[in-house]
Amino acid sequence: MKNKNLMDRIEINPNIMLGKPVIKGTRLPVSIIVEKIAYGTSIEEILKQYPFLKQMDINAALFYAAQVINFENVYPI
C-alpha cells in the first residue's frame, strides 16, 4: 500500500480528541495503538479489542508515528 493511502487513514481535526491524530472515522488516537504495540500487545489482540479497526489502520498508525519521528527537529542541550 502506498504511503498516501496509509496517511489517508489518519485524521487530525481540532473538534475530535482536541486535534490529536486519530484513526479516521473513530475517536481512537494513534498514540493508543502505538503504545499498545510498545507494551507487547499483538496486532491480533488490538483488532479484537477494537473490532472496528482494520489491519491497515494499525499500519497507518505506525507509519504516522514513524513519519513524526523522521521529521522531528532535534537540538543539542
C-alpha atoms as a PDB file:
ATOM      1  CA  MET A   1       0.000   0.000   0.000  1.00  0.00           C
ATOM      2  CA  LYS A   2       1.305   3.437  -0.837  1.00  0.00           C
ATOM      3  CA  ASN A   3       2.214   5.923   1.873  1.00  0.00           C
ATOM      4  CA  LYS A   4      -0.540   8.330   0.765  1.00  0.00           C
ATOM      5  CA  ASN A   5      -3.142   5.601   1.268  1.00  0.00           C
ATOM      6  CA  LEU A   6      -1.852   4.958   4.773  1.00  0.00           C
ATOM      7  CA  MET A   7      -1.915   8.642   5.670  1.00  0.00           C
ATOM      8  CA  ASP A   8      -5.482   8.872   4.356  1.00  0.00           C
ATOM      9  CA  ARG A   9      -6.485   6.608   7.248  1.00  0.00           C
ATOM     10  CA  ILE A  10      -5.340   9.206   9.815  1.00  0.00           C
ATOM     11  CA  GLU A  11      -7.444  12.242  10.690  1.00  0.00           C
ATOM     12  CA  ILE A  12      -6.436  15.395  12.536  1.00  0.00           C
ATOM     13  CA  ASN A  13      -9.421  17.544  13.420  1.00  0.00           C
ATOM     14  CA  PRO A  14      -9.490  20.106  16.257  1.00  0.00           C
ATOM     15  CA  ASN A  15     -13.058  19.014  17.020  1.00  0.00           C
ATOM     16  CA  ILE A  16     -12.077  15.361  17.562  1.00  0.00           C
ATOM     17  CA  MET A  17      -9.921  14.432  20.572  1.00  0.00           C
ATOM     18  CA  LEU A  18      -8.599  18.011  20.773  1.00  0.00           C
ATOM     19  CA  GLY A  19      -6.839  17.635  17.430  1.00  0.00           C
ATOM     20  CA  LYS A  20      -4.799  14.567  18.285  1.00  0.00           C
ATOM     21  CA  PRO A  21      -4.275  12.250  15.299  1.00  0.00           C
ATOM     22  CA  VAL A  22      -6.906   9.507  15.279  1.00  0.00           C
ATOM     23  CA  ILE A  23      -7.912   6.675  13.008  1.00  0.00           C
ATOM     24  CA  LYS A  24     -10.274   8.293  10.516  1.00  0.00           C
ATOM     25  CA  GLY A  25     -13.934   7.864  11.440  1.00  0.00           C
ATOM     26  CA  THR A  26     -13.134   6.998  15.055  1.00  0.00           C
ATOM     27  CA  ARG A  27     -12.063   8.702  18.261  1.00  0.00           C
ATOM     28  CA  LEU A  28      -9.179   6.264  18.751  1.00  0.00           C
ATOM     29  CA  PRO A  29      -5.867   8.151  18.965  1.00  0.00           C
ATOM     30  CA  VAL A  30      -2.864   6.879  17.042  1.00  0.00           C
ATOM     31  CA  SER A  31      -0.898   7.092  20.301  1.00  0.00           C
ATOM     32  CA  ILE A  32      -3.052   4.381  21.921  1.00  0.00           C
ATOM     33  CA  ILE A  33      -2.273   1.926  19.131  1.00  0.00           C
ATOM     34  CA  VAL A  34       1.449   2.687  19.174  1.00  0.00           C
ATOM     35  CA  GLU A  35       1.579   2.433  22.965  1.00  0.00           C
ATOM     36  CA  LYS A  36      -0.214  -0.923  22.992  1.00  0.00           C
ATOM     37  CA  ILE A  37       2.260  -2.320  20.482  1.00  0.00           C
ATOM     38  CA  ALA A  38       5.159  -0.929  22.538  1.00  0.00           C
ATOM     39  CA  TYR A  39       3.859  -2.819  25.576  1.00  0.00           C
ATOM     40  CA  GLY A  40       3.703  -6.052  23.602  1.00  0.00           C
ATOM     41  CA  THR A  41       0.057  -6.230  22.598  1.00  0.00           C
ATOM     42  CA  SER A  42      -0.189  -8.178  19.363  1.00  0.00           C
ATOM     43  CA  ILE A  43      -1.947  -6.811  16.320  1.00  0.00           C
ATOM     44  CA  GLU A  44      -4.474  -9.629  16.608  1.00  0.00           C
ATOM     45  CA  GLU A  45      -5.242  -8.595  20.205  1.00  0.00           C
ATOM     46  CA  ILE A  46      -5.688  -4.963  19.196  1.00  0.00           C
ATOM     47  CA  LEU A  47      -8.073  -5.980  16.425  1.00  0.00           C
ATOM     48  CA  LYS A  48     -10.096  -7.986  18.968  1.00  0.00           C
ATOM     49  CA  GLN A  49     -10.138  -5.085  21.452  1.00  0.00           C
ATOM     50  CA  TYR A  50     -11.224  -2.626  18.749  1.00  0.00           C
ATOM     51  CA  PRO A  51     -13.322  -4.623  16.256  1.00  0.00           C
ATOM     52  CA  PHE A  52     -13.961  -1.518  14.138  1.00  0.00           C
ATOM     53  CA  LEU A  53     -10.241  -1.379  13.239  1.00  0.00           C
ATOM     54  CA  LYS A  54      -8.637  -2.983  10.229  1.00  0.00           C
ATOM     55  CA  GLN A  55      -5.044  -4.164   9.882  1.00  0.00           C
ATOM     56  CA  MET A  56      -4.320  -1.173   7.634  1.00  0.00           C
ATOM     57  CA  ASP A  57      -5.430   1.194  10.417  1.00  0.00           C
ATOM     58  CA  ILE A  58      -2.719  -0.219  12.654  1.00  0.00           C
ATOM     59  CA  ASN A  59      -0.181   0.010   9.836  1.00  0.00           C
ATOM     60  CA  ALA A  60      -1.241   3.629   9.300  1.00  0.00           C
ATOM     61  CA  ALA A  61      -0.781   4.439  12.999  1.00  0.00           C
ATOM     62  CA  LEU A  62       2.734   3.005  12.977  1.00  0.00           C
ATOM     63  CA  PHE A  63       3.592   4.757   9.716  1.00  0.00           C
ATOM     64  CA  TYR A  64       2.293   8.066  11.088  1.00  0.00           C
ATOM     65  CA  ALA A  65       4.424   7.676  14.233  1.00  0.00           C
ATOM     66  CA  ALA A  66       7.492   6.922  12.115  1.00  0.00           C
ATOM     67  CA  GLN A  67       6.885   9.995   9.977  1.00  0.00           C
ATOM     68  CA  VAL A  68       6.555  12.230  13.041  1.00  0.00           C
ATOM     69  CA  ILE A  69       9.902  10.969  14.323  1.00  0.00           C
ATOM     70  CA  ASN A  70      11.540  11.319  10.894  1.00  0.00           C
ATOM     71  CA  PHE A  71      10.615  14.973  10.684  1.00  0.00           C
ATOM     72  CA  GLU A  72      11.318  15.834  14.319  1.00  0.00           C
ATOM     73  CA  ASN A  73      13.804  18.634  14.898  1.00  0.00           C
ATOM     74  CA  VAL A  74      16.496  17.654  17.374  1.00  0.00           C
ATOM     75  CA  TYR A  75      18.514  20.317  19.155  1.00  0.00           C
ATOM     76  CA  PRO A  76      21.554  19.760  21.366  1.00  0.00           C
ATOM     77  CA  ILE A  77      21.034  20.502  25.029  1.00  0.00           C
END
